[in-house]
Each structure stands twice: as C-alpha cells, then as structure tokens.
Amino acid sequence: MGGIERHIEIVCAAQRAIGLDARVLLIDDHAENTWPAGLSARDLPHAFAGGAGRLAHALRNRNPGLVHTHGYKAGVLGRIICCVSRIPVVSAFHAGEIGAFPVSLYQRIDILTSRLAPKIAVSAQIAARLPKPVYLVENFAPAPVGDLAAPLPGVIAFVGRLSIEKGPDLFCELAAQAPRDEHQWVMYGDGPMRHELENKYYNYVTFRGLVTDMDSQWADIGLLVMTSRAEGLPYAALEALSHGVPLLAHGVGGLPDLLAGEPEWILAQSDLMQAQAQIKQ
C-alpha cells in the first residue's frame, strides 16, 4: 500500500459516486499483496489481467471508454497497447523521486513514452520533468466522517514506506535526540530499511509495520513528521491534515505548497536540531 494505491482508490470511488463505471485492472495477482482485499472491502470492482502478456487481451476484451494508467510499468504498457488498439488513454505521474537503477531506467522509458498520451502530474515538480503539455491535478483526500483528532496527543508519527527517499532514518534520528518520555515516536509502514532501523532504534521508536487502513489510527496521532528526501504530493500528508493532525515536513515536492500558509512547519532538510526545536514547541 502506498500513495498510488490510495490515489486509485479515492479516484475510483469518486468516479463511481457520480455514476461512472470505474474499475481497477491490475496487471498481475501478487498473492502477498493485501490491496485487492482492501478494494473488495470498499466495494471497488477489480480484476487481474493475468500478467503483462495478457494485458492487451484484457483491455481489448473490456473495450473501456478510457484507460487511466498509474505507475511506470502500467504507463508504458498501457499507452502502447491503447494507442495500437485505439483506446483513449491518460497517464498519471506520482513519483517525486528518481529511483536507483534499474528503476531509473524504467522511469526514463516511462517519461519518453509519455508523449503517446495526455499526462497528469500531481505536483509542479513532477510536471517540470515531463514533456509538454502536462496537466497539473494535485492529489486530494476525502473529508473524514466524524470528529477531528484532539490537538497534540503524545504520538509523533511517521507514515510511509521505509525506504531511503522517504527518510525514515532521519525520523529515527529525531526520535533518538528527543527528550525521553515526553512523546511516543511511532512508525507506520514497512520497507527495505525496517530491519536495520528497528535493530538500531528499538529503544526510541515503536514500529507498527504495514497498516492497510490508517483511518482508525489518525485519532491517536498528534503530529505527523515527514522527513522525505523526495516527494510528489503524498497522501499521508493530505489525510493527516484532513483529520486535523498537524504536519511537520521537509520542503520537498508539493509539500511547501501544501503548507504555504504555515512556513514554520517546513523543516530545513539539513538541520535536525532545528526540527527538534520545532517539535518541542
């Protein structure tokens, strides 16, 4: 589960709410992925193409009025197949970071082939990397039902993938510097850095692992800290603010625009002590 998955859920649900027959088509079924079960729980129809080789057959068989691709693999394959099959297609670009090789190569191919279809970017920084024209449609989050979170309970949270571009190590370093017993520092998420961070910072941070439904967690969180080294416009930030949870973030991607009225909540990326001072305030 990540920002792209949340984007697809929210857009699909919004389209169905106004009467459009929106459906999610996944290229393949990865048995360990819990997201399809989440789609079922939200009554969002979904299906599996059966692999990249069968994607063309699945799209031609369904003959949709519009295909909306998300992610570099779906983008490259979907645009080529739809152009050949004369199916209207549009691609959304979400990633704020350029991955390490070979992901960087796939992303480059994704950008080069993006000329085959209209393009949507979720932040101005992402739009600047794409061939023109490109439409800027910022991420959005639905308003929660029920009361907003109480102001500043004791949990300071990180919500996201535990990988280098998201800066979970910087969050853990903040936690290690913080006065003990004043706050509980909690990480929601999983990823390649979890084992290393958990071994090093288990005395300072509680690791909750992957949480597929954050809606029930926001009431317990008093502050979301996003120490990302690169971003688009992350859903965790939008969901936190929509639940009344304040956000302290590095000024990357679309986060400065999101917090334009609250510049004191933008972290200097190189100054963790400054960040600690802001958190204590």
C-alpha atoms as a PDB file:
ATOM      1  CA  MET A   1       0.000   0.000   0.000  1.00  0.00           C
ATOM      2  CA  GLY A   2       1.301   3.414  -0.946  1.00  0.00           C
ATOM      3  CA  GLY A   3       0.338   6.755  -2.437  1.00  0.00           C
ATOM      4  CA  ILE A   4      -0.515   5.377  -5.884  1.00  0.00           C
ATOM      5  CA  GLU A   5      -2.836   2.770  -4.387  1.00  0.00           C
ATOM      6  CA  ARG A   6      -4.599   5.391  -2.265  1.00  0.00           C
ATOM      7  CA  HIS A   7      -4.862   7.673  -5.316  1.00  0.00           C
ATOM      8  CA  ILE A   8      -6.508   4.911  -7.357  1.00  0.00           C
ATOM      9  CA  GLU A   9      -8.912   4.022  -4.520  1.00  0.00           C
ATOM     10  CA  ILE A  10     -10.022   7.602  -3.981  1.00  0.00           C
ATOM     11  CA  VAL A  11     -10.356   8.482  -7.684  1.00  0.00           C
ATOM     12  CA  CYS A  12     -12.182   5.231  -8.482  1.00  0.00           C
ATOM     13  CA  ALA A  13     -14.598   5.691  -5.561  1.00  0.00           C
ATOM     14  CA  ALA A  14     -15.222   9.324  -6.535  1.00  0.00           C
ATOM     15  CA  GLN A  15     -15.955   8.371 -10.146  1.00  0.00           C
ATOM     16  CA  ARG A  16     -18.344   5.617  -9.100  1.00  0.00           C
ATOM     17  CA  ALA A  17     -20.077   8.015  -6.706  1.00  0.00           C
ATOM     18  CA  ILE A  18     -21.093  10.201  -9.682  1.00  0.00           C
ATOM     19  CA  GLY A  19     -22.318   7.233 -11.701  1.00  0.00           C
ATOM     20  CA  LEU A  20     -19.284   6.269 -13.796  1.00  0.00           C
ATOM     21  CA  ASP A  21     -18.469   2.570 -14.108  1.00  0.00           C
ATOM     22  CA  ALA A  22     -14.881   2.893 -12.901  1.00  0.00           C
ATOM     23  CA  ARG A  23     -12.944  -0.328 -12.293  1.00  0.00           C
ATOM     24  CA  VAL A  24      -9.398  -1.219 -11.263  1.00  0.00           C
ATOM     25  CA  LEU A  25      -7.394  -3.508 -13.574  1.00  0.00           C
ATOM     26  CA  LEU A  26      -4.202  -4.902 -12.062  1.00  0.00           C
ATOM     27  CA  ILE A  27      -1.567  -6.328 -14.388  1.00  0.00           C
ATOM     28  CA  ASP A  28      -0.989  -9.391 -12.217  1.00  0.00           C
ATOM     29  CA  ASP A  29      -2.074 -11.065  -8.976  1.00  0.00           C
ATOM     30  CA  HIS A  30       0.672 -10.988  -6.355  1.00  0.00           C
ATOM     31  CA  ALA A  31      -0.644 -13.268  -3.641  1.00  0.00           C
ATOM     32  CA  GLU A  32       1.162 -11.412  -0.831  1.00  0.00           C
ATOM     33  CA  ASN A  33      -0.430  -8.081  -1.788  1.00  0.00           C
ATOM     34  CA  THR A  34      -3.281  -7.157   0.587  1.00  0.00           C
ATOM     35  CA  TRP A  35      -4.529  -4.269  -1.551  1.00  0.00           C
ATOM     36  CA  PRO A  36      -7.074  -6.258  -3.639  1.00  0.00           C
ATOM     37  CA  ALA A  37      -8.759  -7.339  -0.378  1.00  0.00           C
ATOM     38  CA  GLY A  38      -8.941  -3.666   0.555  1.00  0.00           C
ATOM     39  CA  LEU A  39     -10.564  -2.840  -2.771  1.00  0.00           C
ATOM     40  CA  SER A  40     -13.168  -5.547  -2.106  1.00  0.00           C
ATOM     41  CA  ALA A  41     -13.823  -4.165   1.366  1.00  0.00           C
ATOM     42  CA  ARG A  42     -14.542  -0.755  -0.209  1.00  0.00           C
ATOM     43  CA  ASP A  43     -16.819  -2.283  -2.882  1.00  0.00           C
ATOM     44  CA  LEU A  44     -14.469  -1.201  -5.671  1.00  0.00           C
ATOM     45  CA  PRO A  45     -14.606  -3.688  -8.600  1.00  0.00           C
ATOM     46  CA  HIS A  46     -11.219  -5.003  -9.671  1.00  0.00           C
ATOM     47  CA  ALA A  47      -9.748  -7.716 -11.864  1.00  0.00           C
ATOM     48  CA  PHE A  48      -6.361  -9.129 -12.860  1.00  0.00           C
ATOM     49  CA  ALA A  49      -5.106  -9.129 -16.442  1.00  0.00           C
ATOM     50  CA  GLY A  50      -3.084 -12.303 -15.787  1.00  0.00           C
ATOM     51  CA  GLY A  51       0.339 -10.807 -16.462  1.00  0.00           C
ATOM     52  CA  ALA A  52       1.868  -8.258 -18.818  1.00  0.00           C
ATOM     53  CA  GLY A  53       1.498 -10.621 -21.790  1.00  0.00           C
ATOM     54  CA  ARG A  54      -2.280 -10.814 -21.337  1.00  0.00           C
ATOM     55  CA  LEU A  55      -2.828  -7.119 -20.632  1.00  0.00           C
ATOM     56  CA  ALA A  56      -3.563  -6.315 -24.281  1.00  0.00           C
ATOM     57  CA  HIS A  57      -6.186  -9.077 -24.446  1.00  0.00           C
ATOM     58  CA  ALA A  58      -7.786  -7.880 -21.201  1.00  0.00           C
ATOM     59  CA  LEU A  59      -8.020  -4.281 -22.421  1.00  0.00           C
ATOM     60  CA  ARG A  60      -9.378  -5.202 -25.861  1.00  0.00           C
ATOM     61  CA  ASN A  61     -11.881  -7.586 -24.296  1.00  0.00           C
ATOM     62  CA  ARG A  62     -13.189  -4.943 -21.887  1.00  0.00           C
ATOM     63  CA  ASN A  63     -13.068  -2.151 -24.509  1.00  0.00           C
ATOM     64  CA  PRO A  64     -13.147   0.686 -21.938  1.00  0.00           C
ATOM     65  CA  GLY A  65     -14.132   4.236 -22.773  1.00  0.00           C
ATOM     66  CA  LEU A  66     -10.936   5.458 -21.105  1.00  0.00           C
ATOM     67  CA  VAL A  67      -7.848   3.854 -19.555  1.00  0.00           C
ATOM     68  CA  HIS A  68      -6.065   5.761 -16.779  1.00  0.00           C
ATOM     69  CA  THR A  69      -2.580   4.361 -16.073  1.00  0.00           C
ATOM     70  CA  HIS A  70      -0.678   4.626 -12.776  1.00  0.00           C
ATOM     71  CA  GLY A  71       2.968   3.703 -12.282  1.00  0.00           C
ATOM     72  CA  TYR A  72       5.765   3.267 -14.826  1.00  0.00           C
ATOM     73  CA  LYS A  73       5.018  -0.356 -15.808  1.00  0.00           C
ATOM     74  CA  ALA A  74       1.298   0.222 -16.312  1.00  0.00           C
ATOM     75  CA  GLY A  75       2.073   3.518 -18.032  1.00  0.00           C
ATOM     76  CA  VAL A  76       4.489   2.139 -20.632  1.00  0.00           C
ATOM     77  CA  LEU A  77       2.442  -0.978 -21.412  1.00  0.00           C
ATOM     78  CA  GLY A  78      -0.940   0.725 -21.193  1.00  0.00           C
ATOM     79  CA  ARG A  79      -0.074   3.601 -23.511  1.00  0.00           C
ATOM     80  CA  ILE A  80       1.443   1.368 -26.198  1.00  0.00           C
ATOM     81  CA  ILE A  81      -1.433  -1.132 -26.096  1.00  0.00           C
ATOM     82  CA  CYS A  82      -4.105   1.578 -26.061  1.00  0.00           C
ATOM     83  CA  CYS A  83      -2.531   3.509 -28.935  1.00  0.00           C
ATOM     84  CA  VAL A  84      -2.370   0.365 -31.076  1.00  0.00           C
ATOM     85  CA  SER A  85      -5.921  -0.640 -30.054  1.00  0.00           C
ATOM     86  CA  ARG A  86      -7.312   2.889 -30.446  1.00  0.00           C
ATOM     87  CA  ILE A  87      -8.475   3.058 -26.832  1.00  0.00           C
ATOM     88  CA  PRO A  88      -8.362   6.525 -25.218  1.00  0.00           C
ATOM     89  CA  VAL A  89      -5.680   6.642 -22.514  1.00  0.00           C
ATOM     90  CA  VAL A  90      -4.344   9.139 -19.975  1.00  0.00           C
ATOM     91  CA  SER A  91      -1.399   8.639 -17.598  1.00  0.00           C
ATOM     92  CA  ALA A  92      -0.883   9.959 -14.069  1.00  0.00           C
ATOM     93  CA  PHE A  93       2.631  10.591 -12.732  1.00  0.00           C
ATOM     94  CA  HIS A  94       3.065  10.365  -8.960  1.00  0.00           C
ATOM     95  CA  ALA A  95       6.715   9.633  -8.132  1.00  0.00           C
ATOM     96  CA  GLY A  96       8.618  12.558  -6.668  1.00  0.00           C
ATOM     97  CA  GLU A  97      11.942  10.711  -6.686  1.00  0.00           C
ATOM     98  CA  ILE A  98      14.064   9.086  -9.373  1.00  0.00           C
ATOM     99  CA  GLY A  99      14.799   5.542  -8.225  1.00  0.00           C
ATOM    100  CA  ALA A 100      18.098   3.676  -8.321  1.00  0.00           C
ATOM    101  CA  PHE A 101      18.986   1.540 -11.343  1.00  0.00           C
ATOM    102  CA  PRO A 102      17.148  -0.328 -12.874  1.00  0.00           C
ATOM    103  CA  VAL A 103      14.072   1.607 -11.666  1.00  0.00           C
ATOM    104  CA  SER A 104      15.633   4.822 -13.017  1.00  0.00           C
ATOM    105  CA  LEU A 105      15.830   3.216 -16.477  1.00  0.00           C
ATOM    106  CA  TYR A 106      12.167   2.192 -16.364  1.00  0.00           C
ATOM    107  CA  GLN A 107      11.193   5.693 -15.239  1.00  0.00           C
ATOM    108  CA  ARG A 108      13.164   7.190 -18.149  1.00  0.00           C
ATOM    109  CA  ILE A 109      11.316   4.922 -20.597  1.00  0.00           C
ATOM    110  CA  ASP A 110       8.059   5.937 -18.905  1.00  0.00           C
ATOM    111  CA  ILE A 111       8.851   9.622 -19.470  1.00  0.00           C
ATOM    112  CA  LEU A 112       9.963   9.084 -23.086  1.00  0.00           C
ATOM    113  CA  THR A 113       6.794   7.151 -23.971  1.00  0.00           C
ATOM    114  CA  SER A 114       4.576   9.634 -22.125  1.00  0.00           C
ATOM    115  CA  ARG A 115       4.271  11.590 -25.401  1.00  0.00           C
ATOM    116  CA  LEU A 116       1.817   8.908 -26.541  1.00  0.00           C
ATOM    117  CA  ALA A 117      -0.955  10.130 -24.215  1.00  0.00           C
ATOM    118  CA  PRO A 118      -2.212  13.115 -22.230  1.00  0.00           C
ATOM    119  CA  LYS A 119      -0.367  13.403 -18.921  1.00  0.00           C
ATOM    120  CA  ILE A 120      -1.408  14.311 -15.363  1.00  0.00           C
ATOM    121  CA  ALA A 121       1.153  15.265 -12.703  1.00  0.00           C
ATOM    122  CA  VAL A 122       0.266  15.534  -9.014  1.00  0.00           C
ATOM    123  CA  SER A 123       2.826  18.271  -8.273  1.00  0.00           C
ATOM    124  CA  ALA A 124       4.548  21.085 -10.150  1.00  0.00           C
ATOM    125  CA  GLN A 125       7.967  19.486  -9.592  1.00  0.00           C
ATOM    126  CA  ILE A 126       6.851  16.262 -11.287  1.00  0.00           C
ATOM    127  CA  ALA A 127       5.230  18.217 -14.120  1.00  0.00           C
ATOM    128  CA  ALA A 128       8.525  20.006 -14.803  1.00  0.00           C
ATOM    129  CA  ARG A 129      10.221  16.681 -15.642  1.00  0.00           C
ATOM    130  CA  LEU A 130       7.651  15.654 -18.240  1.00  0.00           C
ATOM    131  CA  PRO A 131       7.325  16.562 -21.929  1.00  0.00           C
ATOM    132  CA  LYS A 132       4.747  19.282 -22.518  1.00  0.00           C
ATOM    133  CA  PRO A 133       1.824  19.527 -22.462  1.00  0.00           C
ATOM    134  CA  VAL A 134       1.125  18.181 -18.987  1.00  0.00           C
ATOM    135  CA  TYR A 135      -1.867  18.858 -16.741  1.00  0.00           C
ATOM    136  CA  LEU A 136      -1.325  19.578 -13.054  1.00  0.00           C
ATOM    137  CA  VAL A 137      -4.045  17.907 -10.960  1.00  0.00           C
ATOM    138  CA  GLU A 138      -2.968  17.853  -7.329  1.00  0.00           C
ATOM    139  CA  ASN A 139      -3.748  14.933  -5.074  1.00  0.00           C
ATOM    140  CA  PHE A 140      -6.792  15.272  -2.847  1.00  0.00           C
ATOM    141  CA  ALA A 141      -8.220  13.406   0.123  1.00  0.00           C
ATOM    142  CA  PRO A 142     -11.888  12.958   1.057  1.00  0.00           C
ATOM    143  CA  ALA A 143     -13.074  14.698   4.205  1.00  0.00           C
ATOM    144  CA  PRO A 144     -13.270  12.230   7.112  1.00  0.00           C
ATOM    145  CA  VAL A 145     -16.556  11.324   8.755  1.00  0.00           C
ATOM    146  CA  GLY A 146     -16.679  12.088  12.471  1.00  0.00           C
ATOM    147  CA  ASP A 147     -14.679  14.217  14.861  1.00  0.00           C
ATOM    148  CA  LEU A 148     -11.224  15.515  14.067  1.00  0.00           C
ATOM    149  CA  ALA A 149      -8.252  14.388  16.130  1.00  0.00           C
ATOM    150  CA  ALA A 150      -7.717  16.012  19.511  1.00  0.00           C
ATOM    151  CA  PRO A 151      -4.873  18.562  19.417  1.00  0.00           C
ATOM    152  CA  LEU A 152      -1.413  17.151  20.033  1.00  0.00           C
ATOM    153  CA  PRO A 153      -1.772  13.870  21.894  1.00  0.00           C
ATOM    154  CA  GLY A 154       1.531  12.214  22.688  1.00  0.00           C
ATOM    155  CA  VAL A 155       2.177  10.262  19.454  1.00  0.00           C
ATOM    156  CA  ILE A 156       4.590  11.663  16.871  1.00  0.00           C
ATOM    157  CA  ALA A 157       4.231   9.526  13.763  1.00  0.00           C
ATOM    158  CA  PHE A 158       5.956   8.610  10.510  1.00  0.00           C
ATOM    159  CA  VAL A 159       3.599   7.162   7.889  1.00  0.00           C
ATOM    160  CA  GLY A 160       5.071   5.733   4.703  1.00  0.00           C
ATOM    161  CA  ARG A 161       7.400   3.254   3.067  1.00  0.00           C
ATOM    162  CA  LEU A 162      10.617   2.605   4.963  1.00  0.00           C
ATOM    163  CA  SER A 163      12.930   3.337   2.041  1.00  0.00           C
ATOM    164  CA  ILE A 164      15.698   5.868   1.601  1.00  0.00           C
ATOM    165  CA  GLU A 165      13.736   8.502  -0.351  1.00  0.00           C
ATOM    166  CA  LYS A 166      11.145   8.734   2.462  1.00  0.00           C
ATOM    167  CA  GLY A 167      13.825   9.482   5.078  1.00  0.00           C
ATOM    168  CA  PRO A 168      12.763   7.060   7.854  1.00  0.00           C
ATOM    169  CA  ASP A 169      16.346   7.154   9.169  1.00  0.00           C
ATOM    170  CA  LEU A 170      16.015  10.916   9.705  1.00  0.00           C
ATOM    171  CA  PHE A 171      12.782  10.391  11.649  1.00  0.00           C
ATOM    172  CA  CYS A 172      14.504   7.795  13.851  1.00  0.00           C
ATOM    173  CA  GLU A 173      17.417  10.170  14.421  1.00  0.00           C
ATOM    174  CA  LEU A 174      14.976  12.840  15.590  1.00  0.00           C
ATOM    175  CA  ALA A 175      13.391  10.328  17.955  1.00  0.00           C
ATOM    176  CA  ALA A 176      16.790   9.379  19.378  1.00  0.00           C
ATOM    177  CA  GLN A 177      17.557  13.055  20.082  1.00  0.00           C
ATOM    178  CA  ALA A 178      14.188  13.798  21.689  1.00  0.00           C
ATOM    179  CA  PRO A 179      13.729  14.003  25.462  1.00  0.00           C
ATOM    180  CA  ARG A 180      12.603  10.599  26.725  1.00  0.00           C
ATOM    181  CA  ASP A 181       9.057  10.026  27.976  1.00  0.00           C
ATOM    182  CA  GLU A 182       7.670  13.279  26.527  1.00  0.00           C
ATOM    183  CA  HIS A 183       6.254  11.700  23.361  1.00  0.00           C
ATOM    184  CA  GLN A 184       5.822   8.292  21.805  1.00  0.00           C
ATOM    185  CA  TRP A 185       7.516   8.038  18.406  1.00  0.00           C
ATOM    186  CA  VAL A 186       5.716   5.568  16.120  1.00  0.00           C
ATOM    187  CA  MET A 187       6.437   4.395  12.566  1.00  0.00           C
ATOM    188  CA  TYR A 188       3.597   3.093  10.399  1.00  0.00           C
ATOM    189  CA  GLY A 189       4.862   1.305   7.320  1.00  0.00           C
ATOM    190  CA  ASP A 190       7.235  -1.341   6.042  1.00  0.00           C
ATOM    191  CA  GLY A 191      10.060  -1.492   3.545  1.00  0.00           C
ATOM    192  CA  PRO A 192      13.681  -2.427   2.913  1.00  0.00           C
ATOM    193  CA  MET A 193      15.083  -0.273   5.757  1.00  0.00           C
ATOM    194  CA  ARG A 194      12.850  -1.632   8.514  1.00  0.00           C
ATOM    195  CA  HIS A 195      15.146  -4.392   9.830  1.00  0.00           C
ATOM    196  CA  GLU A 196      18.163  -2.063  10.041  1.00  0.00           C
ATOM    197  CA  LEU A 197      16.205   0.763  11.690  1.00  0.00           C
ATOM    198  CA  GLU A 198      14.369  -1.489  14.127  1.00  0.00           C
ATOM    199  CA  ASN A 199      17.634  -3.035  15.301  1.00  0.00           C
ATOM    200  CA  LYS A 200      19.236   0.379  15.816  1.00  0.00           C
ATOM    201  CA  TYR A 201      16.344   2.440  17.198  1.00  0.00           C
ATOM    202  CA  TYR A 202      14.078  -0.049  19.009  1.00  0.00           C
ATOM    203  CA  ASN A 203      14.605   1.871  22.282  1.00  0.00           C
ATOM    204  CA  TYR A 204      13.298   5.098  20.728  1.00  0.00           C
ATOM    205  CA  VAL A 205      10.700   4.175  18.107  1.00  0.00           C
ATOM    206  CA  THR A 206       7.707   1.812  18.043  1.00  0.00           C
ATOM    207  CA  PHE A 207       7.485   0.020  14.680  1.00  0.00           C
ATOM    208  CA  ARG A 208       3.858  -0.813  13.821  1.00  0.00           C
ATOM    209  CA  GLY A 209       4.581  -2.269  10.374  1.00  0.00           C
ATOM    210  CA  LEU A 210       2.220  -2.117   7.419  1.00  0.00           C
ATOM    211  CA  VAL A 211      -1.210  -0.717   8.316  1.00  0.00           C
ATOM    212  CA  THR A 212      -3.604  -1.063   5.393  1.00  0.00           C
ATOM    213  CA  ASP A 213      -6.286   1.199   6.885  1.00  0.00           C
ATOM    214  CA  MET A 214      -4.986   4.351   8.550  1.00  0.00           C
ATOM    215  CA  ASP A 215      -8.456   5.838   9.139  1.00  0.00           C
ATOM    216  CA  SER A 216      -8.671   4.266  12.582  1.00  0.00           C
ATOM    217  CA  GLN A 217      -5.174   5.464  13.554  1.00  0.00           C
ATOM    218  CA  TRP A 218      -5.288   9.221  12.973  1.00  0.00           C
ATOM    219  CA  ALA A 219      -7.165   9.989  16.202  1.00  0.00           C
ATOM    220  CA  ASP A 220      -4.174   8.655  18.159  1.00  0.00           C
ATOM    221  CA  ILE A 221      -1.615  10.780  16.304  1.00  0.00           C
ATOM    222  CA  GLY A 222      -0.747  14.265  17.468  1.00  0.00           C
ATOM    223  CA  LEU A 223       1.864  15.177  14.870  1.00  0.00           C
ATOM    224  CA  LEU A 224       2.887  13.687  11.513  1.00  0.00           C
ATOM    225  CA  VAL A 225       6.567  14.214  10.683  1.00  0.00           C
ATOM    226  CA  MET A 226       7.571  13.677   7.042  1.00  0.00           C
ATOM    227  CA  THR A 227      11.342  13.591   6.660  1.00  0.00           C
ATOM    228  CA  SER A 228      11.252  12.684   2.954  1.00  0.00           C
ATOM    229  CA  ARG A 229      14.258  13.371   0.760  1.00  0.00           C
ATOM    230  CA  ALA A 230      11.965  13.406  -2.300  1.00  0.00           C
ATOM    231  CA  GLU A 231       8.181  13.555  -2.719  1.00  0.00           C
ATOM    232  CA  GLY A 232       5.330  14.198  -5.093  1.00  0.00           C
ATOM    233  CA  LEU A 233       2.303  15.308  -3.084  1.00  0.00           C
ATOM    234  CA  PRO A 234       1.965  12.482  -0.529  1.00  0.00           C
ATOM    235  CA  TYR A 235      -1.424  11.164   0.514  1.00  0.00           C
ATOM    236  CA  ALA A 236      -0.297  10.676   4.106  1.00  0.00           C
ATOM    237  CA  ALA A 237       0.115  14.453   4.387  1.00  0.00           C
ATOM    238  CA  LEU A 238      -3.323  15.153   2.911  1.00  0.00           C
ATOM    239  CA  GLU A 239      -5.026  12.554   5.103  1.00  0.00           C
ATOM    240  CA  ALA A 240      -3.322  13.856   8.247  1.00  0.00           C
ATOM    241  CA  LEU A 241      -4.441  17.424   7.596  1.00  0.00           C
ATOM    242  CA  SER A 242      -7.958  16.309   6.692  1.00  0.00           C
ATOM    243  CA  HIS A 243      -8.150  14.545  10.080  1.00  0.00           C
ATOM    244  CA  GLY A 244      -6.924  17.629  11.933  1.00  0.00           C
ATOM    245  CA  VAL A 245      -3.414  16.273  12.542  1.00  0.00           C
ATOM    246  CA  PRO A 246      -0.669  18.910  12.125  1.00  0.00           C
ATOM    247  CA  LEU A 247       2.181  18.189   9.745  1.00  0.00           C
ATOM    248  CA  LEU A 248       5.896  18.935  10.053  1.00  0.00           C
ATOM    249  CA  ALA A 249       7.689  18.215   6.784  1.00  0.00           C
ATOM    250  CA  HIS A 250      10.766  18.712   4.670  1.00  0.00           C
ATOM    251  CA  GLY A 251      10.229  21.270   1.914  1.00  0.00           C
ATOM    252  CA  VAL A 252      10.303  18.798  -0.978  1.00  0.00           C
ATOM    253  CA  GLY A 253       7.874  18.090  -3.814  1.00  0.00           C
ATOM    254  CA  GLY A 254       4.444  19.622  -3.332  1.00  0.00           C
ATOM    255  CA  LEU A 255       4.765  19.903   0.477  1.00  0.00           C
ATOM    256  CA  PRO A 256       5.806  23.601   0.512  1.00  0.00           C
ATOM    257  CA  ASP A 257       2.669  24.449  -1.499  1.00  0.00           C
ATOM    258  CA  LEU A 258       0.544  22.357   0.852  1.00  0.00           C
ATOM    259  CA  LEU A 259       1.948  24.203   3.866  1.00  0.00           C
ATOM    260  CA  ALA A 260       2.231  27.607   2.188  1.00  0.00           C
ATOM    261  CA  GLY A 261       0.257  29.289   4.964  1.00  0.00           C
ATOM    262  CA  GLU A 262       2.332  27.639   7.688  1.00  0.00           C
ATOM    263  CA  PRO A 263       6.004  28.164   6.746  1.00  0.00           C
ATOM    264  CA  GLU A 264       7.154  27.379  10.291  1.00  0.00           C
ATOM    265  CA  TRP A 265       6.077  23.773   9.679  1.00  0.00           C
ATOM    266  CA  ILE A 266       8.637  23.305   6.879  1.00  0.00           C
ATOM    267  CA  LEU A 267      11.826  21.553   8.040  1.00  0.00           C
ATOM    268  CA  ALA A 268      15.273  22.539   6.881  1.00  0.00           C
ATOM    269  CA  GLN A 269      16.435  19.217   5.470  1.00  0.00           C
ATOM    270  CA  SER A 270      19.980  19.568   6.803  1.00  0.00           C
ATOM    271  CA  ASP A 271      19.135  20.791  10.304  1.00  0.00           C
ATOM    272  CA  LEU A 272      17.714  18.098  12.562  1.00  0.00           C
ATOM    273  CA  MET A 273      18.309  20.131  15.715  1.00  0.00           C
ATOM    274  CA  GLN A 274      16.152  22.912  14.274  1.00  0.00           C
ATOM    275  CA  ALA A 275      13.479  20.299  13.612  1.00  0.00           C
ATOM    276  CA  GLN A 276      13.725  19.064  17.202  1.00  0.00           C
ATOM    277  CA  ALA A 277      13.249  22.626  18.451  1.00  0.00           C
ATOM    278  CA  GLN A 278      10.126  22.968  16.309  1.00  0.00           C
ATOM    279  CA  ILE A 279       8.711  19.689  17.604  1.00  0.00           C
ATOM    280  CA  LYS A 280       9.270  20.747  21.247  1.00  0.00           C
ATOM    281  CA  GLN A 281       7.303  23.953  20.591  1.00  0.00           C
END
